[in-house]
Amino acid sequence: MMNCRNCDHIVNGEFCSKCGQSSKIGRINYSNFLHEVSESVFQINKGFFYTLTEFYIRPGKSINEFLDGKRKNHFKPVAYAITLSTLYFLVTQVTNQNTWIDDLISGWLTGAKGQPLESQVPKILTWASKNYAYTALLVLPIFSLASYLSFLKFDKNYLEHLVINAYITGHIAIFYSVFAIAGSFIKNDLIEMFSIMVAIAYTGWVFWQLFNEGNRIINILRTLLTYTLYLIFSFIFLIAIFGINLM
């Protein structure tokens, strides 16, 4: 006999008789994280609009509930990231706007003009540009490593940071979609800059709710440190990719 982690009802068996959640739900680890990934990709699970609403009202608290075992009502994190990142990509195609991945590639191409790398850059990054949703997932481990190191003192393991940032990535894609639509009407470079500022501010808000212990000012600085480490790790990763491509 045990209590359901989702609804606290007494469970006698593999599933809760009240809410239906598995009694085997536990902390995110390597085995159940892989299950989350496979379930997210190959199954349509409910809870999308519940999760969407929660992430406008109390994102950090909602993620904490998911990590604590209250998962029955939540849309799966990887599915959330893929769904909304795909939506963002489709919006940019319809509005003829660039994704931030496109802008990154353009920056590298501009820097490579007239250099030996110029002909090799598209081979490396074109796939990323055409598959934004999957590219967003591929950079998740890098950003999650940055947030994990920045908030190391808190009781969240690396895989839990992957879950946290999968949710954040998905929801930020909504903001990017809105700015992409706005950018099709307002021709101003400030639109892109403002979208990035909103994304950082939203991430900070989520972290503010998630890591609500200790000095609040220090935790804000931890958020800024996360983005700093993310840029450093991403730069190292790109340099490594170019180095491998030149071998």
C-alpha atoms as a PDB file:
ATOM      1  CA  MET A   1       0.000   0.000   0.000  1.00  0.00           C
ATOM      2  CA  MET A   2       1.250   3.474  -0.895  1.00  0.00           C
ATOM      3  CA  ASN A   3      -0.036   6.915  -1.788  1.00  0.00           C
ATOM      4  CA  CYS A   4      -0.311   8.031  -5.411  1.00  0.00           C
ATOM      5  CA  ARG A   5       2.262  10.712  -6.182  1.00  0.00           C
ATOM      6  CA  ASN A   6      -0.243  12.467  -8.444  1.00  0.00           C
ATOM      7  CA  CYS A   7      -3.426  12.661  -6.327  1.00  0.00           C
ATOM      8  CA  ASP A   8      -2.315  11.209  -2.951  1.00  0.00           C
ATOM      9  CA  HIS A   9      -4.995   8.514  -3.139  1.00  0.00           C
ATOM     10  CA  ILE A  10      -4.093   5.157  -1.563  1.00  0.00           C
ATOM     11  CA  VAL A  11      -2.809   2.791  -4.257  1.00  0.00           C
ATOM     12  CA  ASN A  12      -3.074  -0.971  -4.104  1.00  0.00           C
ATOM     13  CA  GLY A  13      -1.698  -2.208  -7.409  1.00  0.00           C
ATOM     14  CA  GLU A  14       0.178  -0.912 -10.431  1.00  0.00           C
ATOM     15  CA  PHE A  15      -2.173   2.012 -11.137  1.00  0.00           C
ATOM     16  CA  CYS A  16      -4.095   4.496  -9.017  1.00  0.00           C
ATOM     17  CA  SER A  17      -7.815   3.688  -9.019  1.00  0.00           C
ATOM     18  CA  LYS A  18      -8.665   7.405  -8.769  1.00  0.00           C
ATOM     19  CA  CYS A  19      -6.475   9.157 -11.373  1.00  0.00           C
ATOM     20  CA  GLY A  20      -4.971   6.204 -13.259  1.00  0.00           C
ATOM     21  CA  GLN A  21      -1.309   7.161 -12.827  1.00  0.00           C
ATOM     22  CA  SER A  22       1.237   4.378 -12.502  1.00  0.00           C
ATOM     23  CA  SER A  23       2.326   3.596  -8.956  1.00  0.00           C
ATOM     24  CA  LYS A  24       5.903   3.189 -10.230  1.00  0.00           C
ATOM     25  CA  ILE A  25       6.357   6.900 -10.910  1.00  0.00           C
ATOM     26  CA  GLY A  26       9.510   8.144  -9.228  1.00  0.00           C
ATOM     27  CA  ARG A  27      12.272  10.687  -9.571  1.00  0.00           C
ATOM     28  CA  ILE A  28      13.604  11.294 -13.077  1.00  0.00           C
ATOM     29  CA  ASN A  29      16.549   8.962 -13.717  1.00  0.00           C
ATOM     30  CA  TYR A  30      18.181   7.340 -16.732  1.00  0.00           C
ATOM     31  CA  SER A  31      15.676   4.502 -17.103  1.00  0.00           C
ATOM     32  CA  ASN A  32      12.454   6.500 -16.830  1.00  0.00           C
ATOM     33  CA  PHE A  33      13.869   9.452 -18.754  1.00  0.00           C
ATOM     34  CA  LEU A  34      14.334   7.191 -21.779  1.00  0.00           C
ATOM     35  CA  HIS A  35      10.753   6.016 -21.275  1.00  0.00           C
ATOM     36  CA  GLU A  36       9.607   9.644 -21.300  1.00  0.00           C
ATOM     37  CA  VAL A  37      11.440  10.210 -24.590  1.00  0.00           C
ATOM     38  CA  SER A  38       9.960   7.156 -26.322  1.00  0.00           C
ATOM     39  CA  GLU A  39       6.470   7.861 -25.001  1.00  0.00           C
ATOM     40  CA  SER A  40       6.716  11.486 -26.066  1.00  0.00           C
ATOM     41  CA  VAL A  41       7.749  10.688 -29.617  1.00  0.00           C
ATOM     42  CA  PHE A  42       5.593   7.670 -30.389  1.00  0.00           C
ATOM     43  CA  GLN A  43       2.424   8.345 -28.402  1.00  0.00           C
ATOM     44  CA  ILE A  44      -0.098  11.148 -28.314  1.00  0.00           C
ATOM     45  CA  ASN A  45      -0.561  11.943 -24.655  1.00  0.00           C
ATOM     46  CA  LYS A  46      -3.161  14.244 -23.144  1.00  0.00           C
ATOM     47  CA  GLY A  47      -2.671  17.368 -21.083  1.00  0.00           C
ATOM     48  CA  PHE A  48      -1.451  19.784 -23.761  1.00  0.00           C
ATOM     49  CA  PHE A  49      -3.835  22.647 -22.974  1.00  0.00           C
ATOM     50  CA  TYR A  50      -3.478  22.063 -19.232  1.00  0.00           C
ATOM     51  CA  THR A  51       0.309  22.332 -19.546  1.00  0.00           C
ATOM     52  CA  LEU A  52       0.014  25.329 -21.881  1.00  0.00           C
ATOM     53  CA  THR A  53      -2.148  27.191 -19.372  1.00  0.00           C
ATOM     54  CA  GLU A  54       0.065  26.262 -16.439  1.00  0.00           C
ATOM     55  CA  PHE A  55       3.116  27.602 -18.226  1.00  0.00           C
ATOM     56  CA  TYR A  56       1.504  31.026 -18.532  1.00  0.00           C
ATOM     57  CA  ILE A  57       0.442  31.140 -14.893  1.00  0.00           C
ATOM     58  CA  ARG A  58       2.936  29.181 -12.749  1.00  0.00           C
ATOM     59  CA  PRO A  59       5.551  27.461 -14.919  1.00  0.00           C
ATOM     60  CA  GLY A  60       8.158  26.760 -12.254  1.00  0.00           C
ATOM     61  CA  LYS A  61       5.662  25.391  -9.758  1.00  0.00           C
ATOM     62  CA  SER A  62       4.072  23.226 -12.447  1.00  0.00           C
ATOM     63  CA  ILE A  63       7.460  21.755 -13.419  1.00  0.00           C
ATOM     64  CA  ASN A  64       8.220  21.046  -9.776  1.00  0.00           C
ATOM     65  CA  GLU A  65       4.928  19.153  -9.518  1.00  0.00           C
ATOM     66  CA  PHE A  66       5.886  17.097 -12.579  1.00  0.00           C
ATOM     67  CA  LEU A  67       9.297  16.299 -11.116  1.00  0.00           C
ATOM     68  CA  ASP A  68       7.687  15.382  -7.783  1.00  0.00           C
ATOM     69  CA  GLY A  69       5.491  12.796  -9.499  1.00  0.00           C
ATOM     70  CA  LYS A  70       2.268  14.630 -10.372  1.00  0.00           C
ATOM     71  CA  ARG A  71       2.456  13.757 -14.070  1.00  0.00           C
ATOM     72  CA  LYS A  72      -0.977  12.489 -15.066  1.00  0.00           C
ATOM     73  CA  ASN A  73      -2.273  15.880 -16.239  1.00  0.00           C
ATOM     74  CA  HIS A  74       0.951  17.105 -17.861  1.00  0.00           C
ATOM     75  CA  PHE A  75       1.884  16.887 -21.519  1.00  0.00           C
ATOM     76  CA  LYS A  76       5.231  15.118 -21.764  1.00  0.00           C
ATOM     77  CA  PRO A  77       8.269  17.466 -21.831  1.00  0.00           C
ATOM     78  CA  VAL A  78       9.900  16.237 -25.050  1.00  0.00           C
ATOM     79  CA  ALA A  79       6.544  16.131 -26.844  1.00  0.00           C
ATOM     80  CA  TYR A  80       5.868  19.693 -25.650  1.00  0.00           C
ATOM     81  CA  ALA A  81       9.217  20.903 -27.012  1.00  0.00           C
ATOM     82  CA  ILE A  82       8.783  19.124 -30.370  1.00  0.00           C
ATOM     83  CA  THR A  83       5.165  20.223 -30.862  1.00  0.00           C
ATOM     84  CA  LEU A  84       5.686  23.909 -30.177  1.00  0.00           C
ATOM     85  CA  SER A  85       9.096  24.110 -31.868  1.00  0.00           C
ATOM     86  CA  THR A  86       7.497  22.612 -34.986  1.00  0.00           C
ATOM     87  CA  LEU A  87       4.720  25.199 -34.742  1.00  0.00           C
ATOM     88  CA  TYR A  88       7.325  27.966 -34.560  1.00  0.00           C
ATOM     89  CA  PHE A  89       9.137  26.587 -37.597  1.00  0.00           C
ATOM     90  CA  LEU A  90       5.877  26.450 -39.597  1.00  0.00           C
ATOM     91  CA  VAL A  91       5.037  30.025 -38.588  1.00  0.00           C
ATOM     92  CA  THR A  92       8.415  31.237 -39.852  1.00  0.00           C
ATOM     93  CA  GLN A  93       7.835  29.452 -43.154  1.00  0.00           C
ATOM     94  CA  VAL A  94       4.395  31.017 -43.610  1.00  0.00           C
ATOM     95  CA  THR A  95       5.570  34.504 -42.597  1.00  0.00           C
ATOM     96  CA  ASN A  96       8.873  34.207 -44.502  1.00  0.00           C
ATOM     97  CA  GLN A  97      10.883  34.928 -41.352  1.00  0.00           C
ATOM     98  CA  ASN A  98      14.108  33.369 -40.107  1.00  0.00           C
ATOM     99  CA  THR A  99      14.331  31.133 -37.064  1.00  0.00           C
ATOM    100  CA  TRP A 100      17.119  31.941 -34.623  1.00  0.00           C
ATOM    101  CA  ILE A 101      18.954  28.913 -36.051  1.00  0.00           C
ATOM    102  CA  ASP A 102      18.760  30.513 -39.522  1.00  0.00           C
ATOM    103  CA  ASP A 103      20.211  33.727 -38.118  1.00  0.00           C
ATOM    104  CA  LEU A 104      23.021  31.778 -36.444  1.00  0.00           C
ATOM    105  CA  ILE A 105      23.875  30.104 -39.739  1.00  0.00           C
ATOM    106  CA  SER A 106      23.771  33.428 -41.579  1.00  0.00           C
ATOM    107  CA  GLY A 107      26.214  34.853 -39.052  1.00  0.00           C
ATOM    108  CA  TRP A 108      28.664  32.004 -39.561  1.00  0.00           C
ATOM    109  CA  LEU A 109      28.321  32.222 -43.318  1.00  0.00           C
ATOM    110  CA  THR A 110      28.964  35.966 -43.254  1.00  0.00           C
ATOM    111  CA  GLY A 111      32.100  35.359 -41.208  1.00  0.00           C
ATOM    112  CA  ALA A 112      33.189  32.613 -43.577  1.00  0.00           C
ATOM    113  CA  LYS A 113      32.880  34.572 -46.812  1.00  0.00           C
ATOM    114  CA  GLY A 114      36.088  34.443 -48.758  1.00  0.00           C
ATOM    115  CA  GLN A 115      37.464  31.832 -46.373  1.00  0.00           C
ATOM    116  CA  PRO A 116      38.124  28.124 -47.041  1.00  0.00           C
ATOM    117  CA  LEU A 117      35.276  27.237 -44.649  1.00  0.00           C
ATOM    118  CA  GLU A 118      32.647  28.918 -46.811  1.00  0.00           C
ATOM    119  CA  SER A 119      31.862  25.876 -48.928  1.00  0.00           C
ATOM    120  CA  GLN A 120      31.828  23.556 -45.910  1.00  0.00           C
ATOM    121  CA  VAL A 121      29.553  25.500 -43.531  1.00  0.00           C
ATOM    122  CA  PRO A 122      26.262  24.625 -45.317  1.00  0.00           C
ATOM    123  CA  LYS A 123      27.103  20.914 -45.181  1.00  0.00           C
ATOM    124  CA  ILE A 124      27.254  21.114 -41.405  1.00  0.00           C
ATOM    125  CA  LEU A 125      24.426  23.490 -40.618  1.00  0.00           C
ATOM    126  CA  THR A 126      21.867  23.228 -43.437  1.00  0.00           C
ATOM    127  CA  TRP A 127      20.231  20.221 -41.803  1.00  0.00           C
ATOM    128  CA  ALA A 128      19.860  22.187 -38.558  1.00  0.00           C
ATOM    129  CA  SER A 129      18.144  25.002 -40.422  1.00  0.00           C
ATOM    130  CA  LYS A 130      15.642  22.682 -42.111  1.00  0.00           C
ATOM    131  CA  ASN A 131      14.911  20.648 -38.978  1.00  0.00           C
ATOM    132  CA  TYR A 132      14.448  23.326 -36.336  1.00  0.00           C
ATOM    133  CA  ALA A 133      12.379  21.238 -33.900  1.00  0.00           C
ATOM    134  CA  TYR A 134      15.049  18.540 -33.699  1.00  0.00           C
ATOM    135  CA  THR A 135      17.832  21.095 -33.569  1.00  0.00           C
ATOM    136  CA  ALA A 136      16.111  22.680 -30.559  1.00  0.00           C
ATOM    137  CA  LEU A 137      16.239  19.266 -28.892  1.00  0.00           C
ATOM    138  CA  LEU A 138      19.883  18.751 -29.832  1.00  0.00           C
ATOM    139  CA  VAL A 139      20.964  21.948 -28.072  1.00  0.00           C
ATOM    140  CA  LEU A 140      18.960  21.040 -24.960  1.00  0.00           C
ATOM    141  CA  PRO A 141      21.794  18.949 -23.427  1.00  0.00           C
ATOM    142  CA  ILE A 142      24.148  21.917 -23.748  1.00  0.00           C
ATOM    143  CA  PHE A 143      21.783  24.409 -22.131  1.00  0.00           C
ATOM    144  CA  SER A 144      20.840  21.843 -19.482  1.00  0.00           C
ATOM    145  CA  LEU A 145      24.492  21.309 -18.596  1.00  0.00           C
ATOM    146  CA  ALA A 146      24.810  25.078 -18.172  1.00  0.00           C
ATOM    147  CA  SER A 147      21.741  25.329 -15.922  1.00  0.00           C
ATOM    148  CA  TYR A 148      22.771  22.224 -13.966  1.00  0.00           C
ATOM    149  CA  LEU A 149      26.186  23.715 -13.188  1.00  0.00           C
ATOM    150  CA  SER A 150      24.734  27.130 -12.389  1.00  0.00           C
ATOM    151  CA  PHE A 151      22.146  25.729  -9.951  1.00  0.00           C
ATOM    152  CA  LEU A 152      24.334  22.897  -8.673  1.00  0.00           C
ATOM    153  CA  LYS A 153      23.521  23.591  -5.017  1.00  0.00           C
ATOM    154  CA  PHE A 154      19.841  22.760  -5.566  1.00  0.00           C
ATOM    155  CA  ASP A 155      18.473  19.222  -5.470  1.00  0.00           C
ATOM    156  CA  LYS A 156      17.984  18.729  -9.214  1.00  0.00           C
ATOM    157  CA  ASN A 157      19.994  16.210 -11.204  1.00  0.00           C
ATOM    158  CA  TYR A 158      21.104  16.695 -14.797  1.00  0.00           C
ATOM    159  CA  LEU A 159      18.215  14.699 -16.299  1.00  0.00           C
ATOM    160  CA  GLU A 160      15.744  16.791 -14.330  1.00  0.00           C
ATOM    161  CA  HIS A 161      17.346  19.865 -15.861  1.00  0.00           C
ATOM    162  CA  LEU A 162      16.748  18.290 -19.290  1.00  0.00           C
ATOM    163  CA  VAL A 163      13.047  17.995 -18.424  1.00  0.00           C
ATOM    164  CA  ILE A 164      12.926  21.569 -17.109  1.00  0.00           C
ATOM    165  CA  ASN A 165      14.546  22.997 -20.220  1.00  0.00           C
ATOM    166  CA  ALA A 166      12.488  20.876 -22.607  1.00  0.00           C
ATOM    167  CA  TYR A 167       9.393  22.546 -21.178  1.00  0.00           C
ATOM    168  CA  ILE A 168      11.013  25.988 -21.335  1.00  0.00           C
ATOM    169  CA  THR A 169      12.165  25.427 -24.935  1.00  0.00           C
ATOM    170  CA  GLY A 170       8.672  24.451 -25.991  1.00  0.00           C
ATOM    171  CA  HIS A 171       6.964  27.404 -24.364  1.00  0.00           C
ATOM    172  CA  ILE A 172       9.510  29.959 -25.558  1.00  0.00           C
ATOM    173  CA  ALA A 173       8.740  28.776 -29.104  1.00  0.00           C
ATOM    174  CA  ILE A 174       5.284  30.337 -28.647  1.00  0.00           C
ATOM    175  CA  PHE A 175       6.862  33.730 -27.957  1.00  0.00           C
ATOM    176  CA  TYR A 176       9.168  33.314 -30.942  1.00  0.00           C
ATOM    177  CA  SER A 177       6.117  32.506 -33.093  1.00  0.00           C
ATOM    178  CA  VAL A 178       4.355  35.704 -31.993  1.00  0.00           C
ATOM    179  CA  PHE A 179       7.431  37.791 -32.783  1.00  0.00           C
ATOM    180  CA  ALA A 180       7.816  36.045 -36.149  1.00  0.00           C
ATOM    181  CA  ILE A 181       4.269  37.084 -37.029  1.00  0.00           C
ATOM    182  CA  ALA A 182       4.959  40.616 -35.774  1.00  0.00           C
ATOM    183  CA  GLY A 183       8.175  40.702 -37.802  1.00  0.00           C
ATOM    184  CA  SER A 184       6.243  40.034 -41.000  1.00  0.00           C
ATOM    185  CA  PHE A 185       4.389  43.322 -40.462  1.00  0.00           C
ATOM    186  CA  ILE A 186       7.011  45.395 -38.662  1.00  0.00           C
ATOM    187  CA  LYS A 187      10.350  45.520 -40.460  1.00  0.00           C
ATOM    188  CA  ASN A 188      12.658  46.308 -37.581  1.00  0.00           C
ATOM    189  CA  ASP A 189      15.721  44.461 -36.285  1.00  0.00           C
ATOM    190  CA  LEU A 190      14.637  45.310 -32.732  1.00  0.00           C
ATOM    191  CA  ILE A 191      11.883  42.691 -33.033  1.00  0.00           C
ATOM    192  CA  GLU A 192      14.454  39.894 -33.006  1.00  0.00           C
ATOM    193  CA  MET A 193      16.403  41.449 -30.135  1.00  0.00           C
ATOM    194  CA  PHE A 194      13.218  41.915 -28.123  1.00  0.00           C
ATOM    195  CA  SER A 195      12.191  38.291 -28.707  1.00  0.00           C
ATOM    196  CA  ILE A 196      15.517  37.099 -27.263  1.00  0.00           C
ATOM    197  CA  MET A 197      15.089  39.384 -24.242  1.00  0.00           C
ATOM    198  CA  VAL A 198      11.589  37.999 -23.637  1.00  0.00           C
ATOM    199  CA  ALA A 199      12.925  34.425 -23.897  1.00  0.00           C
ATOM    200  CA  ILE A 200      15.655  35.136 -21.326  1.00  0.00           C
ATOM    201  CA  ALA A 201      13.184  36.915 -19.038  1.00  0.00           C
ATOM    202  CA  TYR A 202      10.760  33.990 -19.226  1.00  0.00           C
ATOM    203  CA  THR A 203      13.532  31.503 -18.451  1.00  0.00           C
ATOM    204  CA  GLY A 204      14.492  33.664 -15.483  1.00  0.00           C
ATOM    205  CA  TRP A 205      10.886  33.644 -14.266  1.00  0.00           C
ATOM    206  CA  VAL A 206      10.722  29.850 -14.479  1.00  0.00           C
ATOM    207  CA  PHE A 207      13.999  29.502 -12.584  1.00  0.00           C
ATOM    208  CA  TRP A 208      12.740  32.078 -10.028  1.00  0.00           C
ATOM    209  CA  GLN A 209       9.810  29.800  -9.218  1.00  0.00           C
ATOM    210  CA  LEU A 210      11.764  26.551  -9.462  1.00  0.00           C
ATOM    211  CA  PHE A 211      14.699  27.565  -7.300  1.00  0.00           C
ATOM    212  CA  ASN A 212      12.922  29.691  -4.709  1.00  0.00           C
ATOM    213  CA  GLU A 213      15.284  29.017  -1.828  1.00  0.00           C
ATOM    214  CA  GLY A 214      18.252  31.118  -0.796  1.00  0.00           C
ATOM    215  CA  ASN A 215      19.248  34.585  -1.951  1.00  0.00           C
ATOM    216  CA  ARG A 216      16.985  35.740  -4.789  1.00  0.00           C
ATOM    217  CA  ILE A 217      19.584  38.113  -6.243  1.00  0.00           C
ATOM    218  CA  ILE A 218      22.133  35.294  -6.366  1.00  0.00           C
ATOM    219  CA  ASN A 219      19.593  33.105  -8.164  1.00  0.00           C
ATOM    220  CA  ILE A 220      19.053  35.819 -10.784  1.00  0.00           C
ATOM    221  CA  LEU A 221      22.815  35.874 -11.293  1.00  0.00           C
ATOM    222  CA  ARG A 222      22.713  32.078 -11.640  1.00  0.00           C
ATOM    223  CA  THR A 223      20.271  32.503 -14.525  1.00  0.00           C
ATOM    224  CA  LEU A 224      22.642  34.936 -16.233  1.00  0.00           C
ATOM    225  CA  LEU A 225      25.502  32.512 -15.553  1.00  0.00           C
ATOM    226  CA  THR A 226      23.453  29.783 -17.256  1.00  0.00           C
ATOM    227  CA  TYR A 227      23.270  31.794 -20.471  1.00  0.00           C
ATOM    228  CA  THR A 228      26.952  32.727 -20.238  1.00  0.00           C
ATOM    229  CA  LEU A 229      27.983  29.078 -19.876  1.00  0.00           C
ATOM    230  CA  TYR A 230      25.567  28.117 -22.644  1.00  0.00           C
ATOM    231  CA  LEU A 231      27.248  30.539 -25.056  1.00  0.00           C
ATOM    232  CA  ILE A 232      30.703  29.277 -24.069  1.00  0.00           C
ATOM    233  CA  PHE A 233      29.734  25.604 -24.424  1.00  0.00           C
ATOM    234  CA  SER A 234      27.967  26.275 -27.743  1.00  0.00           C
ATOM    235  CA  PHE A 235      31.026  28.077 -29.088  1.00  0.00           C
ATOM    236  CA  ILE A 236      33.278  25.184 -28.055  1.00  0.00           C
ATOM    237  CA  PHE A 237      30.829  22.737 -29.647  1.00  0.00           C
ATOM    238  CA  LEU A 238      30.770  24.649 -32.952  1.00  0.00           C
ATOM    239  CA  ILE A 239      34.556  24.894 -32.999  1.00  0.00           C
ATOM    240  CA  ALA A 240      34.746  21.137 -32.389  1.00  0.00           C
ATOM    241  CA  ILE A 241      32.283  20.457 -35.218  1.00  0.00           C
ATOM    242  CA  PHE A 242      34.281  22.612 -37.635  1.00  0.00           C
ATOM    243  CA  GLY A 243      37.484  20.931 -36.505  1.00  0.00           C
ATOM    244  CA  ILE A 244      36.036  17.461 -37.171  1.00  0.00           C
ATOM    245  CA  ASN A 245      34.732  18.586 -40.540  1.00  0.00           C
ATOM    246  CA  LEU A 246      38.176  19.798 -41.595  1.00  0.00           C
ATOM    247  CA  MET A 247      39.918  16.519 -40.685  1.00  0.00           C
END
